[in-house]
Amino acid sequence: MSKAMTIILLLAMVIQLLKPLGLPGLKQRRDFWKIAVFAIAVMMVTVLVRP
């Protein structure tokens, strides 16, 4: 996973903790863990796709 994507996801998690994003499934502050699960899934797909 590229460093830019990692930074973007970390920023999204911090923003979610400060002020919820309001997207479906991300309406409360405690939902920041869902962004982390998404990041782990993207990382696993990236590892699987690489030759």
PDB file of N, CA and C in Angstrom:
ATOM      1  N   MET A   1       0.857  -1.165   0.000  1.00  0.00           N
ATOM      2  CA  MET A   1       0.000   0.000   0.000  1.00  0.00           C
ATOM      3  C   MET A   1       0.906   1.231   0.000  1.00  0.00           C
ATOM      4  N   SER A   2       0.580   2.182  -0.813  1.00  0.00           N
ATOM      5  CA  SER A   2       1.428   3.366  -0.923  1.00  0.00           C
ATOM      6  C   SER A   2       1.372   4.206   0.348  1.00  0.00           C
ATOM      7  N   LYS A   3       2.427   4.967   0.540  1.00  0.00           N
ATOM      8  CA  LYS A   3       2.505   5.800   1.746  1.00  0.00           C
ATOM      9  C   LYS A   3       1.429   6.879   1.744  1.00  0.00           C
ATOM     10  N   ALA A   4       1.087   7.367   0.573  1.00  0.00           N
ATOM     11  CA  ALA A   4       0.051   8.396   0.488  1.00  0.00           C
ATOM     12  C   ALA A   4      -1.298   7.853   0.965  1.00  0.00           C
ATOM     13  N   MET A   5      -1.625   6.628   0.557  1.00  0.00           N
ATOM     14  CA  MET A   5      -2.890   6.024   0.971  1.00  0.00           C
ATOM     15  C   MET A   5      -2.898   5.803   2.482  1.00  0.00           C
ATOM     16  N   THR A   6      -1.763   5.406   3.036  1.00  0.00           N
ATOM     17  CA  THR A   6      -1.659   5.209   4.480  1.00  0.00           C
ATOM     18  C   THR A   6      -1.905   6.512   5.227  1.00  0.00           C
ATOM     19  N   ILE A   7      -1.300   7.583   4.753  1.00  0.00           N
ATOM     20  CA  ILE A   7      -1.469   8.889   5.396  1.00  0.00           C
ATOM     21  C   ILE A   7      -2.913   9.362   5.297  1.00  0.00           C
ATOM     22  N   ILE A   8      -3.530   9.157   4.141  1.00  0.00           N
ATOM     23  CA  ILE A   8      -4.926   9.562   3.953  1.00  0.00           C
ATOM     24  C   ILE A   8      -5.841   8.807   4.918  1.00  0.00           C
ATOM     25  N   LEU A   9      -5.621   7.501   5.056  1.00  0.00           N
ATOM     26  CA  LEU A   9      -6.465   6.717   5.960  1.00  0.00           C
ATOM     27  C   LEU A   9      -6.232   7.096   7.420  1.00  0.00           C
ATOM     28  N   LEU A  10      -4.983   7.386   7.794  1.00  0.00           N
ATOM     29  CA  LEU A  10      -4.712   7.841   9.158  1.00  0.00           C
ATOM     30  C   LEU A  10      -5.387   9.183   9.438  1.00  0.00           C
ATOM     31  N   LEU A  11      -5.338  10.090   8.472  1.00  0.00           N
ATOM     32  CA  LEU A  11      -6.015  11.376   8.637  1.00  0.00           C
ATOM     33  C   LEU A  11      -7.530  11.197   8.762  1.00  0.00           C
ATOM     34  N   ALA A  12      -8.079  10.269   7.977  1.00  0.00           N
ATOM     35  CA  ALA A  12      -9.520  10.002   8.065  1.00  0.00           C
ATOM     36  C   ALA A  12      -9.890   9.469   9.450  1.00  0.00           C
ATOM     37  N   MET A  13      -9.021   8.626  10.026  1.00  0.00           N
ATOM     38  CA  MET A  13      -9.288   8.107  11.362  1.00  0.00           C
ATOM     39  C   MET A  13      -9.247   9.223  12.408  1.00  0.00           C
ATOM     40  N   VAL A  14      -8.277  10.123  12.292  1.00  0.00           N
ATOM     41  CA  VAL A  14      -8.171  11.235  13.248  1.00  0.00           C
ATOM     42  C   VAL A  14      -9.371  12.160  13.114  1.00  0.00           C
ATOM     43  N   ILE A  15      -9.743  12.464  11.886  1.00  0.00           N
ATOM     44  CA  ILE A  15     -10.907  13.334  11.658  1.00  0.00           C
ATOM     45  C   ILE A  15     -12.170  12.680  12.217  1.00  0.00           C
ATOM     46  N   GLN A  16     -12.297  11.367  12.026  1.00  0.00           N
ATOM     47  CA  GLN A  16     -13.459  10.649  12.547  1.00  0.00           C
ATOM     48  C   GLN A  16     -13.529  10.751  14.063  1.00  0.00           C
ATOM     49  N   LEU A  17     -12.368  10.704  14.738  1.00  0.00           N
ATOM     50  CA  LEU A  17     -12.358  10.828  16.197  1.00  0.00           C
ATOM     51  C   LEU A  17     -12.740  12.240  16.645  1.00  0.00           C
ATOM     52  N   LEU A  18     -12.312  13.246  15.883  1.00  0.00           N
ATOM     53  CA  LEU A  18     -12.598  14.627  16.267  1.00  0.00           C
ATOM     54  C   LEU A  18     -14.028  15.033  15.921  1.00  0.00           C
ATOM     55  N   LYS A  19     -14.412  14.759  14.683  1.00  0.00           N
ATOM     56  CA  LYS A  19     -15.751  15.118  14.210  1.00  0.00           C
ATOM     57  C   LYS A  19     -16.189  14.039  13.230  1.00  0.00           C
ATOM     58  N   PRO A  20     -17.195  13.261  13.567  1.00  0.00           N
ATOM     59  CA  PRO A  20     -17.624  12.165  12.686  1.00  0.00           C
ATOM     60  C   PRO A  20     -17.902  12.640  11.261  1.00  0.00           C
ATOM     61  N   LEU A  21     -17.525  11.790  10.300  1.00  0.00           N
ATOM     62  CA  LEU A  21     -17.652  12.130   8.888  1.00  0.00           C
ATOM     63  C   LEU A  21     -19.106  12.172   8.420  1.00  0.00           C
ATOM     64  N   GLY A  22     -19.975  11.398   9.041  1.00  0.00           N
ATOM     65  CA  GLY A  22     -21.384  11.411   8.680  1.00  0.00           C
ATOM     66  C   GLY A  22     -21.729  10.501   7.515  1.00  0.00           C
ATOM     67  N   LEU A  23     -20.774   9.731   7.038  1.00  0.00           N
ATOM     68  CA  LEU A  23     -21.048   8.774   5.973  1.00  0.00           C
ATOM     69  C   LEU A  23     -21.805   7.584   6.552  1.00  0.00           C
ATOM     70  N   PRO A  24     -22.517   6.838   5.705  1.00  0.00           N
ATOM     71  CA  PRO A  24     -23.211   5.656   6.231  1.00  0.00           C
ATOM     72  C   PRO A  24     -22.220   4.708   6.914  1.00  0.00           C
ATOM     73  N   GLY A  25     -22.486   4.371   8.155  1.00  0.00           N
ATOM     74  CA  GLY A  25     -21.601   3.506   8.923  1.00  0.00           C
ATOM     75  C   GLY A  25     -20.536   4.257   9.694  1.00  0.00           C
ATOM     76  N   LEU A  26     -20.408   5.554   9.472  1.00  0.00           N
ATOM     77  CA  LEU A  26     -19.401   6.361  10.169  1.00  0.00           C
ATOM     78  C   LEU A  26     -20.049   7.582  10.819  1.00  0.00           C
ATOM     79  N   LYS A  27     -21.132   7.363  11.515  1.00  0.00           N
ATOM     80  CA  LYS A  27     -21.870   8.484  12.094  1.00  0.00           C
ATOM     81  C   LYS A  27     -21.482   8.787  13.541  1.00  0.00           C
ATOM     82  N   GLN A  28     -20.743   7.879  14.186  1.00  0.00           N
ATOM     83  CA  GLN A  28     -20.344   8.100  15.575  1.00  0.00           C
ATOM     84  C   GLN A  28     -18.828   8.066  15.683  1.00  0.00           C
ATOM     85  N   ARG A  29     -18.300   8.702  16.708  1.00  0.00           N
ATOM     86  CA  ARG A  29     -16.847   8.763  16.890  1.00  0.00           C
ATOM     87  C   ARG A  29     -16.228   7.393  17.078  1.00  0.00           C
ATOM     88  N   ARG A  30     -16.941   6.495  17.734  1.00  0.00           N
ATOM     89  CA  ARG A  30     -16.365   5.181  18.006  1.00  0.00           C
ATOM     90  C   ARG A  30     -16.277   4.300  16.753  1.00  0.00           C
ATOM     91  N   ASP A  31     -16.767   4.765  15.611  1.00  0.00           N
ATOM     92  CA  ASP A  31     -16.722   3.996  14.369  1.00  0.00           C
ATOM     93  C   ASP A  31     -15.396   4.145  13.621  1.00  0.00           C
ATOM     94  N   PHE A  32     -14.392   4.783  14.243  1.00  0.00           N
ATOM     95  CA  PHE A  32     -13.114   4.973  13.561  1.00  0.00           C
ATOM     96  C   PHE A  32     -12.431   3.642  13.264  1.00  0.00           C
ATOM     97  N   TRP A  33     -12.740   2.596  14.006  1.00  0.00           N
ATOM     98  CA  TRP A  33     -12.111   1.301  13.791  1.00  0.00           C
ATOM     99  C   TRP A  33     -12.496   0.720  12.436  1.00  0.00           C
ATOM    100  N   LYS A  34     -13.622   1.113  11.893  1.00  0.00           N
ATOM    101  CA  LYS A  34     -14.041   0.609  10.581  1.00  0.00           C
ATOM    102  C   LYS A  34     -13.089   1.076   9.488  1.00  0.00           C
ATOM    103  N   ILE A  35     -12.544   2.277   9.643  1.00  0.00           N
ATOM    104  CA  ILE A  35     -11.558   2.775   8.683  1.00  0.00           C
ATOM    105  C   ILE A  35     -10.292   1.925   8.770  1.00  0.00           C
ATOM    106  N   ALA A  36      -9.903   1.528   9.979  1.00  0.00           N
ATOM    107  CA  ALA A  36      -8.720   0.683  10.157  1.00  0.00           C
ATOM    108  C   ALA A  36      -8.933  -0.690   9.523  1.00  0.00           C
ATOM    109  N   VAL A  37     -10.109  -1.256   9.662  1.00  0.00           N
ATOM    110  CA  VAL A  37     -10.401  -2.553   9.046  1.00  0.00           C
ATOM    111  C   VAL A  37     -10.331  -2.427   7.524  1.00  0.00           C
ATOM    112  N   PHE A  38     -10.841  -1.346   6.983  1.00  0.00           N
ATOM    113  CA  PHE A  38     -10.767  -1.105   5.537  1.00  0.00           C
ATOM    114  C   PHE A  38      -9.307  -0.998   5.099  1.00  0.00           C
ATOM    115  N   ALA A  39      -8.479  -0.304   5.881  1.00  0.00           N
ATOM    116  CA  ALA A  39      -7.062  -0.149   5.539  1.00  0.00           C
ATOM    117  C   ALA A  39      -6.352  -1.495   5.535  1.00  0.00           C
ATOM    118  N   ILE A  40      -6.654  -2.336   6.498  1.00  0.00           N
ATOM    119  CA  ILE A  40      -6.037  -3.666   6.542  1.00  0.00           C
ATOM    120  C   ILE A  40      -6.475  -4.495   5.342  1.00  0.00           C
ATOM    121  N   ALA A  41      -7.736  -4.412   4.969  1.00  0.00           N
ATOM    122  CA  ALA A  41      -8.229  -5.153   3.807  1.00  0.00           C
ATOM    123  C   ALA A  41      -7.539  -4.683   2.526  1.00  0.00           C
ATOM    124  N   VAL A  42      -7.386  -3.371   2.367  1.00  0.00           N
ATOM    125  CA  VAL A  42      -6.707  -2.839   1.182  1.00  0.00           C
ATOM    126  C   VAL A  42      -5.256  -3.307   1.152  1.00  0.00           C
ATOM    127  N   MET A  43      -4.607  -3.331   2.308  1.00  0.00           N
ATOM    128  CA  MET A  43      -3.219  -3.773   2.389  1.00  0.00           C
ATOM    129  C   MET A  43      -3.095  -5.238   1.997  1.00  0.00           C
ATOM    130  N   MET A  44      -4.029  -6.064   2.428  1.00  0.00           N
ATOM    131  CA  MET A  44      -4.002  -7.500   2.090  1.00  0.00           C
ATOM    132  C   MET A  44      -4.217  -7.707   0.597  1.00  0.00           C
ATOM    133  N   VAL A  45      -5.123  -6.952  -0.004  1.00  0.00           N
ATOM    134  CA  VAL A  45      -5.352  -7.068  -1.446  1.00  0.00           C
ATOM    135  C   VAL A  45      -4.113  -6.637  -2.220  1.00  0.00           C
ATOM    136  N   THR A  46      -3.450  -5.582  -1.758  1.00  0.00           N
ATOM    137  CA  THR A  46      -2.235  -5.111  -2.414  1.00  0.00           C
ATOM    138  C   THR A  46      -1.143  -6.166  -2.367  1.00  0.00           C
ATOM    139  N   VAL A  47      -0.986  -6.821  -1.248  1.00  0.00           N
ATOM    140  CA  VAL A  47       0.026  -7.874  -1.120  1.00  0.00           C
ATOM    141  C   VAL A  47      -0.308  -9.059  -2.016  1.00  0.00           C
ATOM    142  N   LEU A  48      -1.576  -9.403  -2.127  1.00  0.00           N
ATOM    143  CA  LEU A  48      -1.978 -10.534  -2.965  1.00  0.00           C
ATOM    144  C   LEU A  48      -1.806 -10.252  -4.454  1.00  0.00           C
ATOM    145  N   VAL A  49      -1.992  -9.016  -4.864  1.00  0.00           N
ATOM    146  CA  VAL A  49      -1.939  -8.659  -6.279  1.00  0.00           C
ATOM    147  C   VAL A  49      -0.495  -8.516  -6.779  1.00  0.00           C
ATOM    148  N   ARG A  50       0.401  -8.093  -5.898  1.00  0.00           N
ATOM    149  CA  ARG A  50       1.793  -7.911  -6.309  1.00  0.00           C
ATOM    150  C   ARG A  50       2.411  -9.224  -6.770  1.00  0.00           C
ATOM    151  N   PRO A  51       3.260  -9.148  -7.797  1.00  0.00           N
ATOM    152  CA  PRO A  51       3.914 -10.374  -8.281  1.00  0.00           C
ATOM    153  C   PRO A  51       4.975 -10.892  -7.326  1.00  0.00           C
TER     154      PRO A  51
END
